[in-house]
């Protein structure tokens, strides 16, 4: 059932959303079963998880490339950031700190161009 639910998912979906979608198909769905199955599917390379700006795990089905995320903390919009865009940051961290970045777990919060130019919320 989870594979069927995932096959219909677009973009990123949280574990809680997947549990709810499975429960719509079968009300006896147990969250721990969904999460254990997600772990197996990730080991098989069928899904990948990342962490959203609020720390929740988000799943992406068959990601074409590794990517991180940009998140606007004002309007809530988000965008993927690919390896090419993140390469400068990755190179700096590796050179200066010997740190190898895992792009799949990178989420940068800030303000998008529209929100950065808008009047402050008050």
PDB file of N, CA and C in Angstrom:
ATOM      1  N   UNK A   1       0.815  -1.178   0.000  1.00  0.00           N
ATOM      2  CA  UNK A   1       0.000   0.000   0.000  1.00  0.00           C
ATOM      3  C   UNK A   1       0.871   1.258   0.000  1.00  0.00           C
ATOM      4  N   UNK A   2       1.938   1.259   0.798  1.00  0.00           N
ATOM      5  CA  UNK A   2       2.809   2.426   0.861  1.00  0.00           C
ATOM      6  C   UNK A   2       3.443   2.703  -0.498  1.00  0.00           C
ATOM      7  N   UNK A   3       3.858   1.663  -1.204  1.00  0.00           N
ATOM      8  CA  UNK A   3       4.456   1.854  -2.526  1.00  0.00           C
ATOM      9  C   UNK A   3       3.442   2.500  -3.464  1.00  0.00           C
ATOM     10  N   UNK A   4       2.195   2.088  -3.371  1.00  0.00           N
ATOM     11  CA  UNK A   4       1.149   2.685  -4.193  1.00  0.00           C
ATOM     12  C   UNK A   4       0.968   4.161  -3.833  1.00  0.00           C
ATOM     13  N   UNK A   5       0.941   4.478  -2.557  1.00  0.00           N
ATOM     14  CA  UNK A   5       0.795   5.866  -2.107  1.00  0.00           C
ATOM     15  C   UNK A   5       1.986   6.694  -2.581  1.00  0.00           C
ATOM     16  N   UNK A   6       3.185   6.152  -2.445  1.00  0.00           N
ATOM     17  CA  UNK A   6       4.382   6.864  -2.879  1.00  0.00           C
ATOM     18  C   UNK A   6       4.384   7.094  -4.392  1.00  0.00           C
ATOM     19  N   UNK A   7       3.865   6.136  -5.142  1.00  0.00           N
ATOM     20  CA  UNK A   7       3.867   6.269  -6.600  1.00  0.00           C
ATOM     21  C   UNK A   7       2.991   7.426  -7.053  1.00  0.00           C
ATOM     22  N   UNK A   8       2.080   7.856  -6.214  1.00  0.00           N
ATOM     23  CA  UNK A   8       1.185   8.963  -6.542  1.00  0.00           C
ATOM     24  C   UNK A   8       1.661  10.299  -5.958  1.00  0.00           C
ATOM     25  N   UNK A   9       2.712  10.242  -5.161  1.00  0.00           N
ATOM     26  CA  UNK A   9       3.216  11.452  -4.506  1.00  0.00           C
ATOM     27  C   UNK A   9       4.061  12.261  -5.484  1.00  0.00           C
ATOM     28  N   UNK A  10       3.916  13.574  -5.402  1.00  0.00           N
ATOM     29  CA  UNK A  10       4.740  14.465  -6.207  1.00  0.00           C
ATOM     30  C   UNK A  10       5.584  15.312  -5.273  1.00  0.00           C
ATOM     31  N   UNK A  11       6.841  15.500  -5.628  1.00  0.00           N
ATOM     32  CA  UNK A  11       7.712  16.329  -4.803  1.00  0.00           C
ATOM     33  C   UNK A  11       8.033  15.654  -3.488  1.00  0.00           C
ATOM     34  N   UNK A  12       8.045  16.436  -2.440  1.00  0.00           N
ATOM     35  CA  UNK A  12       8.397  15.946  -1.114  1.00  0.00           C
ATOM     36  C   UNK A  12       7.137  15.719  -0.294  1.00  0.00           C
ATOM     37  N   UNK A  13       7.171  14.694   0.516  1.00  0.00           N
ATOM     38  CA  UNK A  13       6.029  14.366   1.365  1.00  0.00           C
ATOM     39  C   UNK A  13       6.567  13.898   2.715  1.00  0.00           C
ATOM     40  N   UNK A  14       5.945  14.350   3.788  1.00  0.00           N
ATOM     41  CA  UNK A  14       6.414  13.968   5.119  1.00  0.00           C
ATOM     42  C   UNK A  14       5.927  12.566   5.479  1.00  0.00           C
ATOM     43  N   UNK A  15       6.597  11.978   6.451  1.00  0.00           N
ATOM     44  CA  UNK A  15       6.172  10.674   6.943  1.00  0.00           C
ATOM     45  C   UNK A  15       4.753  10.722   7.471  1.00  0.00           C
ATOM     46  N   UNK A  16       4.407  11.784   8.186  1.00  0.00           N
ATOM     47  CA  UNK A  16       3.051  11.921   8.729  1.00  0.00           C
ATOM     48  C   UNK A  16       2.017  11.981   7.606  1.00  0.00           C
ATOM     49  N   UNK A  17       2.354  12.676   6.528  1.00  0.00           N
ATOM     50  CA  UNK A  17       1.436  12.735   5.380  1.00  0.00           C
ATOM     51  C   UNK A  17       1.275  11.359   4.750  1.00  0.00           C
ATOM     52  N   UNK A  18       2.365  10.607   4.680  1.00  0.00           N
ATOM     53  CA  UNK A  18       2.277   9.258   4.123  1.00  0.00           C
ATOM     54  C   UNK A  18       1.426   8.350   4.997  1.00  0.00           C
ATOM     55  N   UNK A  19       1.598   8.469   6.309  1.00  0.00           N
ATOM     56  CA  UNK A  19       0.765   7.670   7.221  1.00  0.00           C
ATOM     57  C   UNK A  19      -0.702   8.011   6.995  1.00  0.00           C
ATOM     58  N   UNK A  20      -1.023   9.291   6.894  1.00  0.00           N
ATOM     59  CA  UNK A  20      -2.413   9.714   6.706  1.00  0.00           C
ATOM     60  C   UNK A  20      -2.964   9.209   5.379  1.00  0.00           C
ATOM     61  N   UNK A  21      -2.168   9.277   4.324  1.00  0.00           N
ATOM     62  CA  UNK A  21      -2.622   8.796   3.016  1.00  0.00           C
ATOM     63  C   UNK A  21      -2.846   7.289   3.032  1.00  0.00           C
ATOM     64  N   UNK A  22      -1.982   6.565   3.745  1.00  0.00           N
ATOM     65  CA  UNK A  22      -2.180   5.115   3.877  1.00  0.00           C
ATOM     66  C   UNK A  22      -3.426   4.821   4.695  1.00  0.00           C
ATOM     67  N   UNK A  23      -3.656   5.605   5.735  1.00  0.00           N
ATOM     68  CA  UNK A  23      -4.846   5.394   6.569  1.00  0.00           C
ATOM     69  C   UNK A  23      -6.133   5.688   5.812  1.00  0.00           C
ATOM     70  N   UNK A  24      -6.072   6.569   4.818  1.00  0.00           N
ATOM     71  CA  UNK A  24      -7.253   6.810   3.993  1.00  0.00           C
ATOM     72  C   UNK A  24      -7.605   5.569   3.188  1.00  0.00           C
ATOM     73  N   UNK A  25      -6.605   4.763   2.852  1.00  0.00           N
ATOM     74  CA  UNK A  25      -6.838   3.521   2.120  1.00  0.00           C
ATOM     75  C   UNK A  25      -7.154   2.365   3.061  1.00  0.00           C
ATOM     76  N   UNK A  26      -6.517   2.383   4.243  1.00  0.00           N
ATOM     77  CA  UNK A  26      -6.701   1.311   5.224  1.00  0.00           C
ATOM     78  C   UNK A  26      -6.567   1.925   6.618  1.00  0.00           C
ATOM     79  N   UNK A  27      -7.661   2.074   7.310  1.00  0.00           N
ATOM     80  CA  UNK A  27      -7.671   2.753   8.606  1.00  0.00           C
ATOM     81  C   UNK A  27      -6.854   2.032   9.678  1.00  0.00           C
ATOM     82  N   UNK A  28      -6.483   0.781   9.436  1.00  0.00           N
ATOM     83  CA  UNK A  28      -5.708   0.038  10.427  1.00  0.00           C
ATOM     84  C   UNK A  28      -4.196   0.240  10.258  1.00  0.00           C
ATOM     85  N   UNK A  29      -3.794   1.143   9.373  1.00  0.00           N
ATOM     86  CA  UNK A  29      -2.372   1.394   9.135  1.00  0.00           C
ATOM     87  C   UNK A  29      -1.680   1.826  10.420  1.00  0.00           C
ATOM     88  N   UNK A  30      -0.549   1.207  10.704  1.00  0.00           N
ATOM     89  CA  UNK A  30       0.235   1.513  11.904  1.00  0.00           C
ATOM     90  C   UNK A  30       1.433   2.363  11.488  1.00  0.00           C
ATOM     91  N   UNK A  31       1.614   3.555  12.102  1.00  0.00           N
ATOM     92  CA  UNK A  31       2.719   4.439  11.711  1.00  0.00           C
ATOM     93  C   UNK A  31       4.087   3.755  11.712  1.00  0.00           C
ATOM     94  N   UNK A  32       4.370   2.920  12.716  1.00  0.00           N
ATOM     95  CA  UNK A  32       5.691   2.290  12.777  1.00  0.00           C
ATOM     96  C   UNK A  32       5.937   1.398  11.564  1.00  0.00           C
ATOM     97  N   UNK A  33       4.901   0.785  11.041  1.00  0.00           N
ATOM     98  CA  UNK A  33       5.048  -0.047   9.845  1.00  0.00           C
ATOM     99  C   UNK A  33       5.395   0.819   8.633  1.00  0.00           C
ATOM    100  N   UNK A  34       4.758   1.968   8.533  1.00  0.00           N
ATOM    101  CA  UNK A  34       5.045   2.884   7.433  1.00  0.00           C
ATOM    102  C   UNK A  34       6.505   3.330   7.506  1.00  0.00           C
ATOM    103  N   UNK A  35       6.961   3.742   8.689  1.00  0.00           N
ATOM    104  CA  UNK A  35       8.332   4.221   8.834  1.00  0.00           C
ATOM    105  C   UNK A  35       9.367   3.117   8.617  1.00  0.00           C
ATOM    106  N   UNK A  36       9.081   1.900   9.084  1.00  0.00           N
ATOM    107  CA  UNK A  36      10.011   0.789   8.839  1.00  0.00           C
ATOM    108  C   UNK A  36      10.094   0.482   7.342  1.00  0.00           C
ATOM    109  N   UNK A  37       8.958   0.539   6.670  1.00  0.00           N
ATOM    110  CA  UNK A  37       8.932   0.292   5.230  1.00  0.00           C
ATOM    111  C   UNK A  37       9.689   1.392   4.489  1.00  0.00           C
ATOM    112  N   UNK A  38       9.547   2.644   4.930  1.00  0.00           N
ATOM    113  CA  UNK A  38      10.303   3.743   4.327  1.00  0.00           C
ATOM    114  C   UNK A  38      11.803   3.518   4.473  1.00  0.00           C
ATOM    115  N   UNK A  39      12.223   3.017   5.635  1.00  0.00           N
ATOM    116  CA  UNK A  39      13.650   2.716   5.846  1.00  0.00           C
ATOM    117  C   UNK A  39      14.140   1.680   4.835  1.00  0.00           C
ATOM    118  N   UNK A  40      13.351   0.640   4.616  1.00  0.00           N
ATOM    119  CA  UNK A  40      13.724  -0.412   3.660  1.00  0.00           C
ATOM    120  C   UNK A  40      13.762   0.164   2.248  1.00  0.00           C
ATOM    121  N   UNK A  41      12.760   0.955   1.893  1.00  0.00           N
ATOM    122  CA  UNK A  41      12.718   1.544   0.558  1.00  0.00           C
ATOM    123  C   UNK A  41      13.896   2.493   0.328  1.00  0.00           C
ATOM    124  N   UNK A  42      14.330   3.161   1.394  1.00  0.00           N
ATOM    125  CA  UNK A  42      15.493   4.040   1.264  1.00  0.00           C
ATOM    126  C   UNK A  42      16.767   3.217   1.074  1.00  0.00           C
ATOM    127  N   UNK A  43      16.885   2.118   1.810  1.00  0.00           N
ATOM    128  CA  UNK A  43      18.046   1.231   1.628  1.00  0.00           C
ATOM    129  C   UNK A  43      18.119   0.704   0.200  1.00  0.00           C
ATOM    130  N   UNK A  44      16.965   0.490  -0.424  1.00  0.00           N
ATOM    131  CA  UNK A  44      16.900  -0.007  -1.799  1.00  0.00           C
ATOM    132  C   UNK A  44      17.090   1.106  -2.826  1.00  0.00           C
ATOM    133  N   UNK A  45      17.146   2.357  -2.364  1.00  0.00           N
ATOM    134  CA  UNK A  45      17.347   3.487  -3.260  1.00  0.00           C
ATOM    135  C   UNK A  45      16.092   3.995  -3.938  1.00  0.00           C
ATOM    136  N   UNK A  46      14.926   3.580  -3.449  1.00  0.00           N
ATOM    137  CA  UNK A  46      13.667   3.986  -4.078  1.00  0.00           C
ATOM    138  C   UNK A  46      13.142   5.313  -3.532  1.00  0.00           C
ATOM    139  N   UNK A  47      13.496   5.638  -2.317  1.00  0.00           N
ATOM    140  CA  UNK A  47      13.140   6.937  -1.742  1.00  0.00           C
ATOM    141  C   UNK A  47      14.377   7.493  -1.050  1.00  0.00           C
ATOM    142  N   UNK A  48      14.359   8.772  -0.819  1.00  0.00           N
ATOM    143  CA  UNK A  48      15.430   9.431  -0.087  1.00  0.00           C
ATOM    144  C   UNK A  48      14.762  10.401   0.875  1.00  0.00           C
ATOM    145  N   UNK A  49      15.322  10.495   2.063  1.00  0.00           N
ATOM    146  CA  UNK A  49      14.743  11.448   3.000  1.00  0.00           C
ATOM    147  C   UNK A  49      15.679  12.631   3.205  1.00  0.00           C
ATOM    148  N   UNK A  50      15.074  13.737   3.536  1.00  0.00           N
ATOM    149  CA  UNK A  50      15.794  14.961   3.888  1.00  0.00           C
ATOM    150  C   UNK A  50      15.045  15.555   5.072  1.00  0.00           C
ATOM    151  N   UNK A  51      15.560  16.644   5.584  1.00  0.00           N
ATOM    152  CA  UNK A  51      14.889  17.299   6.706  1.00  0.00           C
ATOM    153  C   UNK A  51      14.423  18.669   6.272  1.00  0.00           C
ATOM    154  N   UNK A  52      13.148  18.945   6.485  1.00  0.00           N
ATOM    155  CA  UNK A  52      12.587  20.237   6.136  1.00  0.00           C
ATOM    156  C   UNK A  52      13.028  21.307   7.116  1.00  0.00           C
ATOM    157  N   UNK A  53      12.627  22.537   6.873  1.00  0.00           N
ATOM    158  CA  UNK A  53      13.047  23.649   7.727  1.00  0.00           C
ATOM    159  C   UNK A  53      12.587  23.507   9.168  1.00  0.00           C
ATOM    160  N   UNK A  54      11.536  22.749   9.389  1.00  0.00           N
ATOM    161  CA  UNK A  54      11.055  22.540  10.753  1.00  0.00           C
ATOM    162  C   UNK A  54      11.632  21.269  11.370  1.00  0.00           C
ATOM    163  N   UNK A  55      12.548  20.607  10.649  1.00  0.00           N
ATOM    164  CA  UNK A  55      13.205  19.414  11.166  1.00  0.00           C
ATOM    165  C   UNK A  55      12.514  18.107  10.821  1.00  0.00           C
ATOM    166  N   UNK A  56      11.294  18.173  10.295  1.00  0.00           N
ATOM    167  CA  UNK A  56      10.573  16.945   9.943  1.00  0.00           C
ATOM    168  C   UNK A  56      11.226  16.264   8.751  1.00  0.00           C
ATOM    169  N   UNK A  57      11.191  14.942   8.776  1.00  0.00           N
ATOM    170  CA  UNK A  57      11.695  14.185   7.640  1.00  0.00           C
ATOM    171  C   UNK A  57      10.715  14.327   6.478  1.00  0.00           C
ATOM    172  N   UNK A  58      11.275  14.571   5.299  1.00  0.00           N
ATOM    173  CA  UNK A  58      10.498  14.625   4.077  1.00  0.00           C
ATOM    174  C   UNK A  58      11.063  13.575   3.140  1.00  0.00           C
ATOM    175  N   UNK A  59      10.197  12.913   2.420  1.00  0.00           N
ATOM    176  CA  UNK A  59      10.622  11.847   1.513  1.00  0.00           C
ATOM    177  C   UNK A  59      10.412  12.274   0.076  1.00  0.00           C
ATOM    178  N   UNK A  60      11.315  11.847  -0.767  1.00  0.00           N
ATOM    179  CA  UNK A  60      11.246  12.134  -2.188  1.00  0.00           C
ATOM    180  C   UNK A  60      11.406  10.811  -2.917  1.00  0.00           C
ATOM    181  N   UNK A  61      10.494  10.529  -3.817  1.00  0.00           N
ATOM    182  CA  UNK A  61      10.502   9.266  -4.542  1.00  0.00           C
ATOM    183  C   UNK A  61      11.463   9.343  -5.717  1.00  0.00           C
ATOM    184  N   UNK A  62      12.332   8.355  -5.832  1.00  0.00           N
ATOM    185  CA  UNK A  62      13.281   8.229  -6.937  1.00  0.00           C
ATOM    186  C   UNK A  62      13.874   9.567  -7.357  1.00  0.00           C
ATOM    187  N   UNK A  63      14.599  10.220  -6.464  1.00  0.00           N
ATOM    188  CA  UNK A  63      15.182  11.512  -6.844  1.00  0.00           C
ATOM    189  C   UNK A  63      16.179  11.333  -7.985  1.00  0.00           C
ATOM    190  N   UNK A  64      16.066  12.217  -8.986  1.00  0.00           N
ATOM    191  CA  UNK A  64      16.954  12.117 -10.142  1.00  0.00           C
ATOM    192  C   UNK A  64      18.385  12.481  -9.764  1.00  0.00           C
ATOM    193  N   UNK A  65      18.540  13.487  -8.917  1.00  0.00           N
ATOM    194  CA  UNK A  65      19.864  13.889  -8.453  1.00  0.00           C
ATOM    195  C   UNK A  65      19.763  14.235  -6.976  1.00  0.00           C
ATOM    196  N   UNK A  66      20.892  14.207  -6.314  1.00  0.00           N
ATOM    197  CA  UNK A  66      20.908  14.663  -4.933  1.00  0.00           C
ATOM    198  C   UNK A  66      20.660  16.159  -4.944  1.00  0.00           C
ATOM    199  N   UNK A  67      19.899  16.624  -3.970  1.00  0.00           N
ATOM    200  CA  UNK A  67      19.638  18.044  -3.900  1.00  0.00           C
ATOM    201  C   UNK A  67      19.324  18.450  -2.468  1.00  0.00           C
ATOM    202  N   UNK A  68      19.556  19.714  -2.196  1.00  0.00           N
ATOM    203  CA  UNK A  68      19.180  20.309  -0.926  1.00  0.00           C
ATOM    204  C   UNK A  68      17.991  21.220  -1.162  1.00  0.00           C
ATOM    205  N   UNK A  69      17.721  22.072  -0.197  1.00  0.00           N
ATOM    206  CA  UNK A  69      16.533  22.915  -0.296  1.00  0.00           C
ATOM    207  C   UNK A  69      16.786  24.321   0.208  1.00  0.00           C
ATOM    208  N   UNK A  70      16.131  25.262  -0.429  1.00  0.00           N
ATOM    209  CA  UNK A  70      16.056  26.631   0.043  1.00  0.00           C
ATOM    210  C   UNK A  70      14.629  26.827   0.528  1.00  0.00           C
ATOM    211  N   UNK A  71      14.466  27.511   1.656  1.00  0.00           N
ATOM    212  CA  UNK A  71      13.140  27.685   2.236  1.00  0.00           C
ATOM    213  C   UNK A  71      12.965  29.129   2.674  1.00  0.00           C
ATOM    214  N   UNK A  72      11.913  29.781   2.185  1.00  0.00           N
ATOM    215  CA  UNK A  72      11.615  31.148   2.607  1.00  0.00           C
ATOM    216  C   UNK A  72      10.842  31.094   3.916  1.00  0.00           C
ATOM    217  N   UNK A  73      11.421  31.680   4.940  1.00  0.00           N
ATOM    218  CA  UNK A  73      10.799  31.612   6.267  1.00  0.00           C
ATOM    219  C   UNK A  73       9.612  32.566   6.397  1.00  0.00           C
ATOM    220  N   UNK A  74       9.401  33.439   5.432  1.00  0.00           N
ATOM    221  CA  UNK A  74       8.242  34.342   5.494  1.00  0.00           C
ATOM    222  C   UNK A  74       7.046  33.772   4.736  1.00  0.00           C
ATOM    223  N   UNK A  75       7.222  33.439   3.452  1.00  0.00           N
ATOM    224  CA  UNK A  75       6.068  32.991   2.652  1.00  0.00           C
ATOM    225  C   UNK A  75       5.932  31.472   2.605  1.00  0.00           C
ATOM    226  N   UNK A  76       6.971  30.747   3.032  1.00  0.00           N
ATOM    227  CA  UNK A  76       6.899  29.286   3.085  1.00  0.00           C
ATOM    228  C   UNK A  76       7.263  28.583   1.792  1.00  0.00           C
ATOM    229  N   UNK A  77       7.608  29.335   0.749  1.00  0.00           N
ATOM    230  CA  UNK A  77       7.987  28.709  -0.525  1.00  0.00           C
ATOM    231  C   UNK A  77       9.310  27.966  -0.355  1.00  0.00           C
ATOM    232  N   UNK A  78       9.509  26.953  -1.196  1.00  0.00           N
ATOM    233  CA  UNK A  78      10.781  26.220  -1.151  1.00  0.00           C
ATOM    234  C   UNK A  78      11.204  25.849  -2.560  1.00  0.00           C
ATOM    235  N   UNK A  79      12.510  25.676  -2.717  1.00  0.00           N
ATOM    236  CA  UNK A  79      13.108  25.341  -3.998  1.00  0.00           C
ATOM    237  C   UNK A  79      14.197  24.319  -3.774  1.00  0.00           C
ATOM    238  N   UNK A  80      14.415  23.490  -4.786  1.00  0.00           N
ATOM    239  CA  UNK A  80      15.535  22.550  -4.749  1.00  0.00           C
ATOM    240  C   UNK A  80      16.812  23.301  -5.086  1.00  0.00           C
ATOM    241  N   UNK A  81      17.905  22.903  -4.476  1.00  0.00           N
ATOM    242  CA  UNK A  81      19.230  23.422  -4.818  1.00  0.00           C
ATOM    243  C   UNK A  81      20.085  22.215  -5.188  1.00  0.00           C
ATOM    244  N   UNK A  82      20.577  22.230  -6.408  1.00  0.00           N
ATOM    245  CA  UNK A  82      21.313  21.088  -6.934  1.00  0.00           C
ATOM    246  C   UNK A  82      22.794  21.138  -6.639  1.00  0.00           C
ATOM    247  N   UNK A  83      23.501  20.085  -7.026  1.00  0.00           N
ATOM    248  CA  UNK A  83      24.940  19.998  -6.761  1.00  0.00           C
ATOM    249  C   UNK A  83      25.738  21.146  -7.364  1.00  0.00           C
ATOM    250  N   UNK A  84      25.359  21.582  -8.567  1.00  0.00           N
ATOM    251  CA  UNK A  84      26.107  22.682  -9.192  1.00  0.00           C
ATOM    252  C   UNK A  84      25.974  23.960  -8.375  1.00  0.00           C
ATOM    253  N   UNK A  85      24.769  24.267  -7.921  1.00  0.00           N
ATOM    254  CA  UNK A  85      24.556  25.474  -7.127  1.00  0.00           C
ATOM    255  C   UNK A  85      25.258  25.396  -5.775  1.00  0.00           C
ATOM    256  N   UNK A  86      25.321  24.222  -5.203  1.00  0.00           N
ATOM    257  CA  UNK A  86      25.908  24.053  -3.870  1.00  0.00           C
ATOM    258  C   UNK A  86      27.406  23.790  -3.912  1.00  0.00           C
ATOM    259  N   UNK A  87      27.976  23.686  -5.092  1.00  0.00           N
ATOM    260  CA  UNK A  87      29.376  23.272  -5.198  1.00  0.00           C
ATOM    261  C   UNK A  87      30.344  24.244  -4.530  1.00  0.00           C
ATOM    262  N   UNK A  88      30.103  25.548  -4.628  1.00  0.00           N
ATOM    263  CA  UNK A  88      31.016  26.525  -3.999  1.00  0.00           C
ATOM    264  C   UNK A  88      31.004  26.373  -2.484  1.00  0.00           C
ATOM    265  N   UNK A  89      29.808  26.278  -1.900  1.00  0.00           N
ATOM    266  CA  UNK A  89      29.708  26.096  -0.455  1.00  0.00           C
ATOM    267  C   UNK A  89      30.367  24.788  -0.042  1.00  0.00           C
ATOM    268  N   UNK A  90      30.105  23.735  -0.788  1.00  0.00           N
ATOM    269  CA  UNK A  90      30.681  22.434  -0.477  1.00  0.00           C
ATOM    270  C   UNK A  90      32.212  22.489  -0.534  1.00  0.00           C
ATOM    271  N   UNK A  91      32.741  23.155  -1.553  1.00  0.00           N
ATOM    272  CA  UNK A  91      34.199  23.248  -1.704  1.00  0.00           C
ATOM    273  C   UNK A  91      34.825  24.045  -0.564  1.00  0.00           C
ATOM    274  N   UNK A  92      34.183  25.126  -0.158  1.00  0.00           N
ATOM    275  CA  UNK A  92      34.694  25.941   0.960  1.00  0.00           C
ATOM    276  C   UNK A  92      34.715  25.132   2.249  1.00  0.00           C
ATOM    277  N   UNK A  93      33.624  24.424   2.528  1.00  0.00           N
ATOM    278  CA  UNK A  93      33.553  23.631   3.755  1.00  0.00           C
ATOM    279  C   UNK A  93      34.600  22.518   3.748  1.00  0.00           C
ATOM    280  N   UNK A  94      34.799  21.915   2.599  1.00  0.00           N
ATOM    281  CA  UNK A  94      35.786  20.841   2.528  1.00  0.00           C
ATOM    282  C   UNK A  94      37.200  21.399   2.655  1.00  0.00           C
ATOM    283  N   UNK A  95      37.497  22.505   1.991  1.00  0.00           N
ATOM    284  CA  UNK A  95      38.833  23.090   2.035  1.00  0.00           C
ATOM    285  C   UNK A  95      39.161  23.655   3.414  1.00  0.00           C
ATOM    286  N   UNK A  96      38.232  24.457   3.967  1.00  0.00           N
ATOM    287  CA  UNK A  96      38.512  25.159   5.222  1.00  0.00           C
ATOM    288  C   UNK A  96      38.364  24.286   6.471  1.00  0.00           C
ATOM    289  N   UNK A  97      37.488  23.320   6.397  1.00  0.00           N
ATOM    290  CA  UNK A  97      37.188  22.541   7.594  1.00  0.00           C
ATOM    291  C   UNK A  97      37.390  21.042   7.433  1.00  0.00           C
ATOM    292  N   UNK A  98      37.677  20.601   6.207  1.00  0.00           N
ATOM    293  CA  UNK A  98      37.799  19.170   5.968  1.00  0.00           C
ATOM    294  C   UNK A  98      36.463  18.466   6.081  1.00  0.00           C
ATOM    295  N   UNK A  99      35.384  19.216   5.878  1.00  0.00           N
ATOM    296  CA  UNK A  99      34.030  18.710   6.072  1.00  0.00           C
ATOM    297  C   UNK A  99      33.400  18.395   4.724  1.00  0.00           C
ATOM    298  N   UNK A 100      32.903  17.169   4.571  1.00  0.00           N
ATOM    299  CA  UNK A 100      32.239  16.765   3.335  1.00  0.00           C
ATOM    300  C   UNK A 100      30.733  16.861   3.562  1.00  0.00           C
ATOM    301  N   UNK A 101      30.112  17.775   2.849  1.00  0.00           N
ATOM    302  CA  UNK A 101      28.694  18.076   3.025  1.00  0.00           C
ATOM    303  C   UNK A 101      27.810  17.004   2.386  1.00  0.00           C
ATOM    304  N   UNK A 102      26.723  16.658   3.064  1.00  0.00           N
ATOM    305  CA  UNK A 102      25.701  15.767   2.523  1.00  0.00           C
ATOM    306  C   UNK A 102      24.573  16.659   2.021  1.00  0.00           C
ATOM    307  N   UNK A 103      24.550  16.911   0.723  1.00  0.00           N
ATOM    308  CA  UNK A 103      23.587  17.823   0.126  1.00  0.00           C
ATOM    309  C   UNK A 103      22.150  17.403   0.399  1.00  0.00           C
ATOM    310  N   UNK A 104      21.901  16.117   0.527  1.00  0.00           N
ATOM    311  CA  UNK A 104      20.523  15.655   0.725  1.00  0.00           C
ATOM    312  C   UNK A 104      19.959  16.095   2.065  1.00  0.00           C
ATOM    313  N   UNK A 105      20.811  16.519   2.978  1.00  0.00           N
ATOM    314  CA  UNK A 105      20.336  16.968   4.284  1.00  0.00           C
ATOM    315  C   UNK A 105      20.549  18.468   4.494  1.00  0.00           C
ATOM    316  N   UNK A 106      20.762  19.197   3.399  1.00  0.00           N
ATOM    317  CA  UNK A 106      20.972  20.629   3.486  1.00  0.00           C
ATOM    318  C   UNK A 106      19.662  21.373   3.257  1.00  0.00           C
ATOM    319  N   UNK A 107      19.250  22.169   4.229  1.00  0.00           N
ATOM    320  CA  UNK A 107      18.123  23.073   4.083  1.00  0.00           C
ATOM    321  C   UNK A 107      18.578  24.440   4.555  1.00  0.00           C
ATOM    322  N   UNK A 108      18.502  25.417   3.665  1.00  0.00           N
ATOM    323  CA  UNK A 108      18.895  26.775   3.989  1.00  0.00           C
ATOM    324  C   UNK A 108      17.631  27.607   4.104  1.00  0.00           C
ATOM    325  N   UNK A 109      17.424  28.207   5.273  1.00  0.00           N
ATOM    326  CA  UNK A 109      16.269  29.074   5.497  1.00  0.00           C
ATOM    327  C   UNK A 109      16.696  30.525   5.354  1.00  0.00           C
ATOM    328  N   UNK A 110      15.818  31.325   4.848  1.00  0.00           N
ATOM    329  CA  UNK A 110      16.082  32.749   4.666  1.00  0.00           C
ATOM    330  C   UNK A 110      14.868  33.391   4.033  1.00  0.00           C
ATOM    331  N   UNK A 111      15.088  34.439   3.247  1.00  0.00           N
ATOM    332  CA  UNK A 111      13.998  35.138   2.579  1.00  0.00           C
ATOM    333  C   UNK A 111      14.187  35.068   1.071  1.00  0.00           C
ATOM    334  N   UNK A 112      13.114  34.757   0.359  1.00  0.00           N
ATOM    335  CA  UNK A 112      13.162  34.754  -1.096  1.00  0.00           C
ATOM    336  C   UNK A 112      13.268  36.194  -1.582  1.00  0.00           C
ATOM    337  N   UNK A 113      13.512  36.380  -2.866  1.00  0.00           N
ATOM    338  CA  UNK A 113      13.694  37.735  -3.394  1.00  0.00           C
ATOM    339  C   UNK A 113      12.450  38.592  -3.192  1.00  0.00           C
ATOM    340  N   UNK A 114      11.275  38.006  -3.327  1.00  0.00           N
ATOM    341  CA  UNK A 114      10.036  38.764  -3.130  1.00  0.00           C
ATOM    342  C   UNK A 114       9.860  39.212  -1.700  1.00  0.00           C
ATOM    343  N   UNK A 115      10.149  38.328  -0.756  1.00  0.00           N
ATOM    344  CA  UNK A 115       9.986  38.662   0.663  1.00  0.00           C
ATOM    345  C   UNK A 115      11.110  39.565   1.161  1.00  0.00           C
ATOM    346  N   UNK A 116      12.300  39.393   0.622  1.00  0.00           N
ATOM    347  CA  UNK A 116      13.425  40.220   1.051  1.00  0.00           C
ATOM    348  C   UNK A 116      13.196  41.677   0.658  1.00  0.00           C
ATOM    349  N   UNK A 117      12.503  41.900  -0.455  1.00  0.00           N
ATOM    350  CA  UNK A 117      12.235  43.256  -0.913  1.00  0.00           C
ATOM    351  C   UNK A 117      10.963  43.854  -0.349  1.00  0.00           C
ATOM    352  N   UNK A 118      10.148  43.046   0.322  1.00  0.00           N
ATOM    353  CA  UNK A 118       8.870  43.507   0.866  1.00  0.00           C
ATOM    354  C   UNK A 118       9.082  44.188   2.214  1.00  0.00           C
ATOM    355  N   UNK A 119       8.091  44.964   2.591  1.00  0.00           N
ATOM    356  CA  UNK A 119       8.146  45.628   3.901  1.00  0.00           C
ATOM    357  C   UNK A 119       8.142  44.575   5.001  1.00  0.00           C
ATOM    358  N   UNK A 120       8.832  44.834   6.104  1.00  0.00           N
ATOM    359  CA  UNK A 120       8.859  43.880   7.222  1.00  0.00           C
ATOM    360  C   UNK A 120       7.451  43.645   7.761  1.00  0.00           C
ATOM    361  N   UNK A 121       7.222  42.382   8.185  1.00  0.00           N
ATOM    362  CA  UNK A 121       5.932  42.060   8.809  1.00  0.00           C
ATOM    363  C   UNK A 121       5.852  42.759  10.143  1.00  0.00           C
ATOM    364  N   UNK A 122       4.703  43.212  10.488  1.00  0.00           N
ATOM    365  CA  UNK A 122       4.614  43.900  11.760  1.00  0.00           C
ATOM    366  C   UNK A 122       3.327  43.814  12.375  1.00  0.00           C
TER     367      UNK A 122
END
